[in-house]
Amino acid sequence: MKRSLWLATACALLLGAGSAVAAPAADTATLASGKIQGTVTDGVLSFKGVPFARPPVGELRWRAPQPAKPWTGVRPAKAYGHDCMQKPFPSDAAPLGTEPAEDCLVANVWRPAEASAKKLPVMVWIYGGGFVNGGSSPAVYAGDQFAKQGIVFVSFNYRVGRFGFFGHPALTAANADGGRLGNYGYMDQIAALKWVKENAAAFGGDPDNITVFGESAGGGSVHMLLTSPESKGLFQKAAIMSGGGRGSLMGPRRLSQDQPGAPSAESIGVNFAKSVGIEGTGPEALKALRALSAEQVTAGLNMAAMFNPSGPQTYGGPMLDGKIVVADPEVAYRAGTQVKGPVMVGATSADIGFGFAQNKDQVFDPFGPLKAQAQAAYDPKGDADVRLVAYTVAMDKMMVEPARFVAQVISAQGVPAYEYRFSYVADSMQGEWKMGAPHATDIPYVFDTVKAKYGDALTAKDAAIAKAANAYFANFAKTGNPNGPGLPQWPAYDAKADVLMDFGADGAALAKPEPWKARMEVTAASAKPSGGGAQ
């Protein structure tokens, strides 16, 4: 009798709804900070709005991110958290899906809903927006399609604008984070990668197979991560989309030292403080700055306002701080001190560039003794519109040639590099984007979220090149090589062959020799070596 009672009790414990040994729910994950519950849709399990750090508010404004507070019970993770505080840019190619706020340091994860017997590769996305705009909530940044390729996909928010990149003598004097000053948005990125590595296994991911990638400011951020001593060991591979690759995208700014034409972050911070009536550089000034509302700190700053400043400069973006950012990308790559992992790098065919020359001498004089060579490359007949030539030169200097430079330097070190050019224009935009594929228009193809971008205007050709781009990036995350079944061969970069993958205007992906070789050669030859070395 006692034995049968024991068996009955054991069965009840094993099979009962409240059993302590019951299998975990299929839509939950247990992280270092607590348990979360997500949503399963179309074979993909997603978790959204998961804190990877404490809210950077109050005394934590302009501090390195602090570890998230653990929670008890099961935390719902079914909706995006706030994007970071900003004034949204009205014409952004990826409009935000949430209301911005300072409490924004959250991550989102997508993975296959069905559990895998093997660890899955991990991809981590970093958004662009000129370091003043952007967030992880736009529909075109959703990770569903990567999850369907067998990948754990992660996106996260980092602080932008004056919340993310800010210097002030009072912050330097307080030195609350052991020399980590100024680049708070970059600190968020490093904290998020540490969180990913710590929790990858909880999502079925491989903490030793992490690929970080980003576009524009996000691509520039990947260059920082590749070259920062603070991020070593946090990822193995990287992809840079329109992220430059020589100097900082925001110029050669330093934390404390003014330079000709580039005031320090501290000087800019003092300018901002004065603009809101805060004088001095001591603790009371810092207290007053932290007492400002989020709206007062934002003060209307976005990409449009950033390029049309009035009065003293009150925002400067990332800086050489000597701790996180110790050198410009070019300096680090030439020295070979970057993370030695496979790299994908490229730009669009009508990428961003800021050319304000009023005549052709203003365009070509900066090439110095190579002026005639530059004229032959960019304006061989001498009849091109000056605005078009100025734009093309600026684009090449800012985005296109630096991508080629990175591929050349890294491949010469024996590290696999894959260069691309994205030239495809959606069928519905052919009449409007006549120069080629504008900056950031490659993103929905890489994510295969073109339906969210183009809606009913999407064509079969648009969808096909999105499938190919998504597959190449997924393959790269899995193995460090973008090639795979059913895809045209994409050779690793070799300087002698100078071959890149062109996602062509005709809708076909095809490896081809650099089509703008004369432009690339003269731009590379005239590039002034970066002076942004360690402080």
Protein backbone atom coordinates (compact mmCIF):
# COMPACT_ATOMS: atom_id res chain seq x y z
CA MET A 1 0.00 0.00 0.00
CA LYS A 2 2.76 2.40 0.93
CA ARG A 3 4.62 1.56 -2.27
CA SER A 4 1.55 2.19 -4.45
CA LEU A 5 0.91 5.46 -2.66
CA TRP A 6 4.51 6.50 -3.29
CA LEU A 7 4.17 5.66 -7.01
CA ALA A 8 0.94 7.61 -7.28
CA THR A 9 2.51 10.60 -5.58
CA ALA A 10 5.58 10.40 -7.82
CA CYS A 11 3.41 10.24 -10.95
CA ALA A 12 1.42 13.23 -9.78
CA LEU A 13 4.61 15.22 -9.23
CA LEU A 14 5.99 14.27 -12.65
CA LEU A 15 2.80 14.80 -14.64
CA GLY A 16 1.00 17.52 -12.68
CA ALA A 17 0.56 21.02 -14.08
CA GLY A 18 2.59 22.48 -11.24
CA SER A 19 5.42 19.99 -11.52
CA ALA A 20 8.85 21.38 -10.60
CA VAL A 21 10.44 19.20 -13.27
CA ALA A 22 8.07 20.06 -16.12
CA ALA A 23 9.75 21.19 -19.37
CA PRO A 24 10.09 24.98 -19.72
CA ALA A 25 7.55 26.78 -21.87
CA ALA A 26 8.50 26.94 -25.54
CA ASP A 27 8.30 30.73 -25.55
CA THR A 28 10.56 31.48 -22.56
CA ALA A 29 14.26 31.93 -21.94
CA THR A 30 16.17 32.14 -18.69
CA LEU A 31 18.84 34.85 -18.71
CA ALA A 32 21.43 35.84 -16.13
CA SER A 33 19.06 38.60 -14.95
CA GLY A 34 15.81 36.61 -14.98
CA LYS A 35 13.25 34.76 -17.03
CA ILE A 36 11.51 36.28 -20.07
CA GLN A 37 8.56 35.28 -22.19
CA GLY A 38 8.36 36.09 -25.89
CA THR A 39 6.10 35.45 -28.84
CA VAL A 40 6.07 32.74 -31.50
CA THR A 41 5.00 33.87 -35.00
CA ASP A 42 5.45 31.99 -38.26
CA GLY A 43 8.10 29.67 -36.88
CA VAL A 44 10.11 32.42 -35.19
CA LEU A 45 10.40 33.04 -31.45
CA SER A 46 11.08 36.69 -30.62
CA PHE A 47 11.82 38.56 -27.41
CA LYS A 48 11.61 42.34 -27.40
CA GLY A 49 12.42 45.12 -24.96
CA VAL A 50 14.75 43.08 -22.74
CA PRO A 51 16.95 45.29 -20.49
CA PHE A 52 20.68 44.79 -20.95
CA ALA A 53 21.55 47.70 -18.63
CA ARG A 54 19.88 49.93 -16.07
CA PRO A 55 18.02 52.98 -17.35
CA PRO A 56 20.66 55.71 -17.90
CA VAL A 57 18.66 58.40 -16.11
CA GLY A 58 19.24 60.73 -13.18
CA GLU A 59 22.73 60.18 -11.77
CA LEU A 60 23.35 57.59 -14.51
CA ARG A 61 22.97 60.18 -17.29
CA TRP A 62 26.45 60.43 -18.86
CA ARG A 63 27.72 57.36 -17.08
CA ALA A 64 28.90 54.02 -18.44
CA PRO A 65 25.95 51.59 -18.60
CA GLN A 66 25.38 49.67 -15.38
CA PRO A 67 24.27 46.00 -15.31
CA ALA A 68 20.50 45.47 -15.47
CA LYS A 69 18.79 44.77 -12.16
CA PRO A 70 17.67 41.14 -11.86
CA TRP A 71 13.94 40.45 -11.69
CA THR A 72 11.80 37.68 -10.25
CA GLY A 73 9.03 35.81 -11.99
CA VAL A 74 8.58 35.87 -15.76
CA ARG A 75 9.06 39.21 -17.48
CA PRO A 76 6.95 39.79 -20.63
CA ALA A 77 9.16 40.50 -23.65
CA LYS A 78 6.60 40.93 -26.40
CA ALA A 79 6.92 44.59 -27.39
CA TYR A 80 9.77 46.92 -28.28
CA GLY A 81 11.03 49.15 -25.51
CA HIS A 82 11.55 52.87 -26.02
CA ASP A 83 14.07 53.90 -28.62
CA CYS A 84 16.67 56.26 -27.18
CA MET A 85 15.85 59.93 -26.66
CA GLN A 86 16.02 62.02 -29.83
CA LYS A 87 14.05 64.27 -32.12
CA PRO A 88 13.14 61.85 -34.95
CA PHE A 89 14.33 62.77 -38.42
CA PRO A 90 11.19 63.23 -40.55
CA SER A 91 12.58 61.69 -43.74
CA ASP A 92 14.41 58.80 -42.09
CA ALA A 93 14.55 55.67 -44.27
CA ALA A 94 13.73 53.62 -41.14
CA PRO A 95 11.14 55.50 -39.05
CA LEU A 96 10.97 54.61 -35.38
CA GLY A 97 8.20 52.39 -34.08
CA THR A 98 8.25 53.65 -30.47
CA GLU A 99 8.23 56.89 -28.54
CA PRO A 100 11.83 57.90 -27.71
CA ALA A 101 12.84 58.15 -24.04
CA GLU A 102 15.99 58.12 -21.91
CA ASP A 103 15.04 54.72 -20.48
CA CYS A 104 16.01 52.84 -23.62
CA LEU A 105 18.83 50.34 -23.06
CA VAL A 106 17.02 47.22 -24.23
CA ALA A 107 17.70 44.38 -26.66
CA ASN A 108 15.54 42.30 -29.00
CA VAL A 109 16.16 38.70 -30.04
CA TRP A 110 14.78 36.51 -32.82
CA ARG A 111 15.51 32.79 -33.13
CA PRO A 112 13.94 29.73 -34.74
CA ALA A 113 10.96 28.62 -32.65
CA GLU A 114 12.01 24.99 -32.95
CA ALA A 115 14.89 24.08 -30.65
CA SER A 116 18.13 23.07 -32.34
CA ALA A 117 20.47 20.29 -31.24
CA LYS A 118 23.44 22.47 -32.14
CA LYS A 119 24.41 25.98 -31.13
CA LEU A 120 23.26 28.59 -33.62
CA PRO A 121 25.36 31.45 -35.01
CA VAL A 122 24.56 34.89 -33.59
CA MET A 123 24.20 38.18 -35.49
CA VAL A 124 24.12 41.56 -33.73
CA TRP A 125 22.79 44.64 -35.56
CA ILE A 126 23.82 48.25 -34.92
CA TYR A 127 21.60 50.92 -36.48
CA GLY A 128 22.68 54.14 -38.15
CA GLY A 129 21.34 57.67 -37.93
CA GLY A 130 24.35 59.97 -37.78
CA PHE A 131 24.78 59.23 -34.05
CA VAL A 132 21.82 61.54 -33.38
CA ASN A 133 18.89 59.44 -34.65
CA GLY A 134 17.97 55.78 -34.97
CA GLY A 135 16.67 52.88 -32.92
CA SER A 136 16.01 49.16 -33.03
CA SER A 137 12.23 49.34 -33.52
CA PRO A 138 11.87 50.10 -37.29
CA ALA A 139 10.04 47.37 -39.17
CA VAL A 140 12.86 47.02 -41.72
CA TYR A 141 15.22 45.99 -38.87
CA ALA A 142 13.13 42.99 -37.79
CA GLY A 143 15.21 39.81 -37.52
CA ASP A 144 12.60 37.23 -38.58
CA GLN A 145 14.20 36.34 -41.90
CA PHE A 146 17.61 35.79 -40.34
CA ALA A 147 15.99 33.55 -37.71
CA LYS A 148 14.43 31.52 -40.51
CA GLN A 149 17.98 31.02 -41.83
CA GLY A 150 18.94 29.34 -38.55
CA ILE A 151 20.42 32.36 -36.79
CA VAL A 152 19.95 33.97 -33.37
CA PHE A 153 19.50 37.61 -34.35
CA VAL A 154 19.95 40.45 -31.83
CA SER A 155 19.32 44.18 -32.08
CA PHE A 156 19.63 46.76 -29.31
CA ASN A 157 19.48 50.46 -28.57
CA TYR A 158 22.40 52.75 -27.81
CA ARG A 159 22.27 56.36 -26.67
CA VAL A 160 22.45 58.99 -29.42
CA GLY A 161 22.87 62.75 -29.61
CA ARG A 162 24.03 64.55 -26.46
CA PHE A 163 22.97 61.59 -24.32
CA GLY A 164 25.34 59.27 -26.17
CA PHE A 165 28.30 61.49 -27.04
CA PHE A 166 29.06 64.30 -24.62
CA GLY A 167 32.02 65.78 -22.84
CA HIS A 168 32.31 68.31 -20.05
CA PRO A 169 35.17 69.22 -17.68
CA ALA A 170 32.98 68.32 -14.69
CA LEU A 171 32.46 64.79 -16.05
CA THR A 172 36.19 64.42 -16.64
CA ALA A 173 36.96 65.62 -13.10
CA ALA A 174 34.41 63.23 -11.57
CA ASN A 175 35.79 60.31 -13.64
CA ALA A 176 33.11 58.01 -12.24
CA ASP A 177 33.85 55.11 -14.59
CA GLY A 178 37.61 54.70 -14.55
CA GLY A 179 38.49 56.74 -17.61
CA ARG A 180 35.44 55.80 -19.66
CA LEU A 181 34.27 59.24 -20.73
CA GLY A 182 32.48 60.90 -23.61
CA ASN A 183 31.49 58.00 -25.85
CA TYR A 184 28.50 56.74 -23.83
CA GLY A 185 26.75 55.39 -26.93
CA TYR A 186 29.80 53.30 -27.74
CA MET A 187 29.87 52.10 -24.13
CA ASP A 188 26.27 50.94 -24.61
CA GLN A 189 27.30 48.96 -27.69
CA ILE A 190 30.10 47.21 -25.80
CA ALA A 191 27.77 46.49 -22.86
CA ALA A 192 25.20 45.03 -25.26
CA LEU A 193 27.82 42.75 -26.82
CA LYS A 194 28.87 41.57 -23.35
CA TRP A 195 25.20 40.84 -22.63
CA VAL A 196 24.90 38.91 -25.90
CA LYS A 197 27.97 36.80 -25.14
CA GLU A 198 26.74 36.10 -21.59
CA ASN A 199 23.21 35.15 -22.67
CA ALA A 200 23.71 33.69 -26.15
CA ALA A 201 23.38 30.11 -24.92
CA ALA A 202 20.05 30.91 -23.25
CA PHE A 203 18.68 31.69 -26.71
CA GLY A 204 20.28 28.63 -28.29
CA GLY A 205 23.16 30.67 -29.70
CA ASP A 206 26.89 30.06 -29.83
CA PRO A 207 28.79 32.66 -27.72
CA ASP A 208 31.91 31.88 -29.75
CA ASN A 209 30.29 32.56 -33.14
CA ILE A 210 29.07 36.15 -33.03
CA THR A 211 28.95 38.50 -36.02
CA VAL A 212 28.44 42.22 -35.49
CA PHE A 213 27.18 44.38 -38.36
CA GLY A 214 25.80 47.84 -38.92
CA GLU A 215 25.10 50.56 -41.47
CA SER A 216 26.19 54.21 -41.68
CA ALA A 217 26.82 55.33 -38.08
CA GLY A 218 26.28 51.66 -37.26
CA GLY A 219 28.97 50.73 -39.78
CA GLY A 220 31.29 53.33 -38.27
CA SER A 221 30.50 51.76 -34.90
CA VAL A 222 31.61 48.38 -36.22
CA HIS A 223 34.95 49.94 -37.17
CA MET A 224 35.20 51.18 -33.58
CA LEU A 225 34.40 47.72 -32.21
CA LEU A 226 36.94 46.08 -34.52
CA THR A 227 39.66 48.45 -33.33
CA SER A 228 38.83 49.11 -29.65
CA PRO A 229 40.72 47.31 -26.88
CA GLU A 230 37.47 47.34 -24.89
CA SER A 231 35.64 44.99 -27.27
CA LYS A 232 38.25 42.27 -27.80
CA GLY A 233 36.81 38.77 -27.42
CA LEU A 234 33.18 39.85 -27.81
CA PHE A 235 32.71 38.83 -31.47
CA GLN A 236 34.47 36.94 -34.23
CA LYS A 237 33.26 38.46 -37.54
CA ALA A 238 32.07 41.83 -38.76
CA ALA A 239 30.17 43.39 -41.66
CA ILE A 240 30.30 47.11 -42.42
CA MET A 241 27.63 48.71 -44.60
CA SER A 242 28.43 52.28 -45.71
CA GLY A 243 30.56 52.93 -42.65
CA GLY A 244 33.65 54.58 -44.13
CA GLY A 245 36.89 53.05 -42.89
CA ARG A 246 39.63 55.65 -42.83
CA GLY A 247 38.88 58.44 -40.36
CA SER A 248 35.95 58.89 -38.00
CA LEU A 249 32.69 59.63 -39.82
CA MET A 250 32.19 62.63 -37.55
CA GLY A 251 35.68 64.08 -37.84
CA PRO A 252 38.90 64.00 -35.79
CA ARG A 253 37.45 65.09 -32.47
CA ARG A 254 39.16 64.50 -29.13
CA LEU A 255 37.76 64.43 -25.63
CA SER A 256 39.77 67.26 -24.05
CA GLN A 257 42.10 68.73 -26.68
CA ASP A 258 40.90 71.43 -29.07
CA GLN A 259 42.21 71.15 -32.64
CA PRO A 260 41.98 73.53 -35.59
CA GLY A 261 38.41 73.30 -36.86
CA ALA A 262 37.55 70.58 -34.34
CA PRO A 263 36.83 71.82 -30.81
CA SER A 264 37.05 69.15 -28.14
CA ALA A 265 34.02 67.37 -26.75
CA GLU A 266 34.57 69.24 -23.49
CA SER A 267 34.54 72.63 -25.23
CA ILE A 268 31.37 71.67 -27.09
CA GLY A 269 29.82 70.49 -23.81
CA VAL A 270 30.59 73.85 -22.18
CA ASN A 271 28.99 75.58 -25.18
CA PHE A 272 25.85 73.50 -24.72
CA ALA A 273 25.74 74.16 -20.98
CA LYS A 274 25.95 77.91 -21.60
CA SER A 275 23.17 77.64 -24.19
CA VAL A 276 20.82 76.43 -21.44
CA GLY A 277 22.04 78.93 -18.84
CA ILE A 278 24.52 76.70 -16.98
CA GLU A 279 27.89 78.33 -16.23
CA GLY A 280 31.03 76.93 -14.68
CA THR A 281 32.80 73.59 -14.91
CA GLY A 282 32.47 72.22 -11.39
CA PRO A 283 30.16 69.70 -9.70
CA GLU A 284 27.28 72.16 -9.51
CA ALA A 285 27.32 72.54 -13.29
CA LEU A 286 27.14 68.76 -13.71
CA LYS A 287 24.28 68.58 -11.22
CA ALA A 288 22.40 71.23 -13.18
CA LEU A 289 23.03 69.44 -16.48
CA ARG A 290 21.64 66.21 -15.06
CA ALA A 291 18.60 68.09 -13.79
CA LEU A 292 17.68 69.21 -17.32
CA SER A 293 14.70 67.46 -18.88
CA ALA A 294 15.33 65.02 -21.71
CA GLU A 295 13.73 67.50 -24.09
CA GLN A 296 16.09 70.26 -22.95
CA VAL A 297 19.12 68.05 -23.60
CA THR A 298 17.81 67.07 -27.02
CA ALA A 299 17.12 70.72 -27.86
CA GLY A 300 15.80 69.91 -31.32
CA LEU A 301 18.95 68.07 -32.40
CA ASN A 302 18.58 65.68 -35.35
CA MET A 303 20.42 65.09 -38.62
CA ALA A 304 18.79 68.07 -40.33
CA ALA A 305 19.70 70.42 -37.47
CA MET A 306 23.19 68.94 -37.12
CA PHE A 307 24.17 70.04 -40.63
CA ASN A 308 22.63 73.49 -40.25
CA PRO A 309 24.07 74.77 -36.97
CA SER A 310 23.58 78.29 -35.73
CA GLY A 311 25.83 79.85 -33.13
CA PRO A 312 28.56 78.01 -31.18
CA GLN A 313 28.80 74.26 -31.77
CA THR A 314 26.83 72.32 -29.16
CA TYR A 315 27.16 68.74 -30.46
CA GLY A 316 30.11 66.86 -31.90
CA GLY A 317 29.48 63.11 -31.93
CA PRO A 318 32.06 60.39 -31.19
CA MET A 319 35.60 61.27 -30.18
CA LEU A 320 39.05 59.85 -29.55
CA ASP A 321 38.90 59.27 -25.81
CA GLY A 322 42.06 57.20 -25.28
CA LYS A 323 40.20 54.34 -23.60
CA ILE A 324 37.47 53.06 -25.93
CA VAL A 325 38.43 54.89 -29.12
CA VAL A 326 42.22 54.89 -29.21
CA ALA A 327 42.81 55.37 -32.94
CA ASP A 328 41.03 56.12 -36.19
CA PRO A 329 40.20 52.97 -38.19
CA GLU A 330 42.91 53.57 -40.78
CA VAL A 331 45.62 53.80 -38.11
CA ALA A 332 44.50 50.60 -36.40
CA TYR A 333 44.05 48.63 -39.62
CA ARG A 334 47.47 49.61 -40.93
CA ALA A 335 48.99 48.57 -37.60
CA GLY A 336 47.06 45.29 -37.68
CA THR A 337 45.69 45.76 -34.16
CA GLN A 338 42.05 45.10 -35.08
CA VAL A 339 40.06 41.95 -34.30
CA LYS A 340 41.47 39.38 -36.72
CA GLY A 341 38.24 37.94 -38.08
CA PRO A 342 36.52 37.79 -41.48
CA VAL A 343 35.04 41.07 -42.69
CA MET A 344 32.40 42.05 -45.23
CA VAL A 345 32.51 45.68 -46.30
CA GLY A 346 30.81 47.79 -48.93
CA ALA A 347 28.74 50.79 -49.98
CA THR A 348 25.81 51.68 -52.19
CA SER A 349 26.23 53.01 -55.74
CA ALA A 350 24.83 56.45 -54.88
CA ASP A 351 26.05 56.58 -51.30
CA ILE A 352 26.27 59.59 -49.03
CA GLY A 353 28.82 62.36 -49.49
CA PHE A 354 29.00 66.05 -48.70
CA GLY A 355 30.35 68.01 -51.65
CA PHE A 356 29.78 71.76 -51.53
CA ALA A 357 32.21 72.94 -54.24
CA GLN A 358 30.96 75.82 -56.37
CA ASN A 359 33.27 75.18 -59.30
CA LYS A 360 35.46 72.39 -60.61
CA ASP A 361 38.69 73.88 -59.35
CA GLN A 362 37.25 73.62 -55.84
CA VAL A 363 36.46 69.98 -56.58
CA PHE A 364 39.83 68.99 -58.00
CA ASP A 365 42.37 71.31 -56.31
CA PRO A 366 42.34 69.15 -53.13
CA PHE A 367 43.83 66.30 -55.21
CA GLY A 368 47.04 68.36 -55.39
CA PRO A 369 49.56 66.98 -57.92
CA LEU A 370 46.95 64.36 -58.89
CA LYS A 371 44.50 67.01 -60.09
CA ALA A 372 44.78 66.11 -63.78
CA GLN A 373 44.41 62.41 -62.99
CA ALA A 374 41.31 63.15 -60.90
CA GLN A 375 39.79 65.24 -63.70
CA ALA A 376 40.37 62.38 -66.14
CA ALA A 377 38.72 59.91 -63.77
CA TYR A 378 35.71 61.99 -62.73
CA ASP A 379 35.13 64.37 -65.64
CA PRO A 380 36.94 63.00 -68.71
CA LYS A 381 35.04 65.18 -71.21
CA GLY A 382 35.02 68.26 -69.00
CA ASP A 383 31.29 68.75 -69.44
CA ALA A 384 29.85 67.09 -66.32
CA ASP A 385 27.65 69.10 -63.96
CA VAL A 386 29.78 70.49 -61.14
CA ARG A 387 27.24 69.47 -58.51
CA LEU A 388 27.26 65.87 -59.71
CA VAL A 389 31.06 65.75 -59.83
CA ALA A 390 31.36 67.26 -56.35
CA TYR A 391 28.86 64.79 -54.97
CA THR A 392 30.57 61.80 -56.61
CA VAL A 393 34.01 62.79 -55.34
CA ALA A 394 32.64 63.32 -51.82
CA MET A 395 30.82 59.98 -51.90
CA ASP A 396 33.96 58.15 -52.98
CA LYS A 397 36.08 59.82 -50.31
CA MET A 398 33.60 59.22 -47.51
CA MET A 399 32.21 55.75 -48.24
CA VAL A 400 33.18 53.92 -51.42
CA GLU A 401 36.99 54.11 -51.46
CA PRO A 402 37.35 53.59 -47.68
CA ALA A 403 35.42 50.30 -47.99
CA ARG A 404 37.87 49.17 -50.67
CA PHE A 405 40.78 50.36 -48.52
CA VAL A 406 39.60 48.21 -45.60
CA ALA A 407 39.25 45.15 -47.83
CA GLN A 408 42.75 45.75 -49.22
CA VAL A 409 44.50 46.21 -45.88
CA ILE A 410 42.75 43.35 -44.10
CA SER A 411 43.16 40.89 -46.96
CA ALA A 412 46.87 41.76 -47.17
CA GLN A 413 47.15 40.56 -43.56
CA GLY A 414 45.81 37.14 -44.55
CA VAL A 415 42.35 37.79 -43.08
CA PRO A 416 39.35 37.00 -45.32
CA ALA A 417 37.63 40.14 -46.63
CA TYR A 418 34.64 40.37 -48.96
CA GLU A 419 33.83 43.67 -50.68
CA TYR A 420 30.45 44.54 -52.20
CA ARG A 421 28.68 47.37 -54.00
CA PHE A 422 24.91 47.63 -53.76
CA SER A 423 23.62 49.08 -57.04
CA TYR A 424 20.07 47.79 -57.16
CA VAL A 425 17.16 50.24 -57.16
CA ALA A 426 13.64 49.01 -56.42
CA ASP A 427 11.43 48.87 -59.49
CA SER A 428 9.05 51.40 -57.97
CA MET A 429 11.88 53.92 -57.41
CA GLN A 430 13.60 53.70 -60.80
CA GLY A 431 12.20 57.04 -61.94
CA GLU A 432 13.26 58.82 -58.75
CA TRP A 433 16.68 57.32 -57.90
CA LYS A 434 18.35 57.76 -61.28
CA MET A 435 21.90 58.08 -59.94
CA GLY A 436 21.84 54.64 -58.34
CA ALA A 437 21.07 53.10 -54.95
CA PRO A 438 21.00 55.84 -52.28
CA HIS A 439 22.54 55.54 -48.84
CA ALA A 440 20.76 53.02 -46.58
CA THR A 441 18.57 51.57 -49.34
CA ASP A 442 20.45 48.26 -49.10
CA ILE A 443 19.18 47.61 -45.56
CA PRO A 444 15.73 46.11 -46.35
CA TYR A 445 17.39 43.80 -48.89
CA VAL A 446 19.99 42.54 -46.44
CA PHE A 447 17.22 41.96 -43.86
CA ASP A 448 14.79 40.69 -46.50
CA THR A 449 12.21 43.11 -45.13
CA VAL A 450 11.47 44.69 -48.52
CA LYS A 451 7.76 44.04 -48.09
CA ALA A 452 7.75 46.28 -45.02
CA LYS A 453 9.58 48.96 -47.02
CA TYR A 454 7.79 48.88 -50.39
CA GLY A 455 4.43 47.28 -49.62
CA ASP A 456 2.23 46.69 -52.64
CA ALA A 457 4.87 48.26 -54.92
CA LEU A 458 7.21 45.31 -54.28
CA THR A 459 8.05 43.32 -57.41
CA ALA A 460 9.32 39.78 -57.90
CA LYS A 461 12.72 41.19 -58.93
CA ASP A 462 12.92 43.24 -55.72
CA ALA A 463 12.08 40.18 -53.65
CA ALA A 464 14.61 37.96 -55.44
CA ILE A 465 17.60 40.19 -54.81
CA ALA A 466 16.52 40.55 -51.18
CA LYS A 467 16.55 36.76 -50.81
CA ALA A 468 20.07 36.65 -52.25
CA ALA A 469 21.43 39.49 -50.09
CA ASN A 470 19.91 38.00 -46.95
CA ALA A 471 21.37 34.59 -47.75
CA TYR A 472 24.87 35.98 -48.33
CA PHE A 473 24.86 37.79 -44.98
CA ALA A 474 23.41 34.76 -43.17
CA ASN A 475 26.05 32.47 -44.68
CA PHE A 476 28.77 34.89 -43.61
CA ALA A 477 27.45 34.83 -40.05
CA LYS A 478 27.48 31.04 -40.04
CA THR A 479 30.91 30.37 -41.51
CA GLY A 480 32.78 33.61 -42.22
CA ASN A 481 32.18 33.02 -45.95
CA PRO A 482 29.10 34.47 -47.71
CA ASN A 483 28.93 31.76 -50.36
CA GLY A 484 26.35 28.99 -50.33
CA PRO A 485 24.19 26.74 -52.50
CA GLY A 486 22.31 28.47 -55.31
CA LEU A 487 24.21 31.77 -55.02
CA PRO A 488 26.63 33.26 -57.56
CA GLN A 489 30.21 32.87 -56.33
CA TRP A 490 31.56 35.78 -54.27
CA PRO A 491 35.38 35.59 -54.16
CA ALA A 492 37.37 36.79 -51.19
CA TYR A 493 38.99 40.14 -51.92
CA ASP A 494 42.41 40.09 -53.54
CA ALA A 495 44.11 43.38 -54.38
CA LYS A 496 45.52 42.11 -57.69
CA ALA A 497 42.14 40.94 -58.97
CA ASP A 498 40.25 43.84 -57.28
CA VAL A 499 36.93 41.97 -57.59
CA LEU A 500 33.80 42.86 -55.63
CA MET A 501 30.25 41.50 -55.51
CA ASP A 502 27.85 43.87 -57.25
CA PHE A 503 24.19 43.62 -56.37
CA GLY A 504 23.45 44.93 -59.81
CA ALA A 505 21.01 47.49 -61.12
CA ASP A 506 19.57 44.72 -63.29
CA GLY A 507 18.67 42.60 -60.27
CA ALA A 508 21.51 40.11 -60.65
CA ALA A 509 24.24 39.55 -58.07
CA LEU A 510 27.53 39.20 -59.94
CA ALA A 511 31.22 39.31 -58.97
CA LYS A 512 33.09 41.76 -61.19
CA PRO A 513 36.31 43.79 -61.28
CA GLU A 514 36.02 47.19 -59.61
CA PRO A 515 33.99 49.21 -62.19
CA TRP A 516 35.26 52.56 -60.86
CA LYS A 517 38.93 51.63 -60.73
CA ALA A 518 40.31 54.96 -62.00
CA ARG A 519 38.24 56.85 -59.43
CA MET A 520 39.29 54.51 -56.63
CA GLU A 521 42.98 54.69 -57.51
CA VAL A 522 43.21 58.47 -57.60
CA THR A 523 41.07 58.87 -54.47
CA ALA A 524 43.21 56.34 -52.60
CA ALA A 525 46.44 57.96 -53.78
CA SER A 526 45.27 61.39 -52.63
CA ALA A 527 43.92 60.25 -49.27
CA LYS A 528 45.73 62.01 -46.47
CA PRO A 529 46.88 59.52 -43.82
CA SER A 530 44.69 59.71 -40.76
CA GLY A 531 46.27 61.52 -37.83
CA GLY A 532 43.88 60.02 -35.31
CA GLY A 533 46.22 57.92 -33.19
CA ALA A 534 46.29 56.92 -29.56
CA GLN A 535 46.16 59.74 -27.06
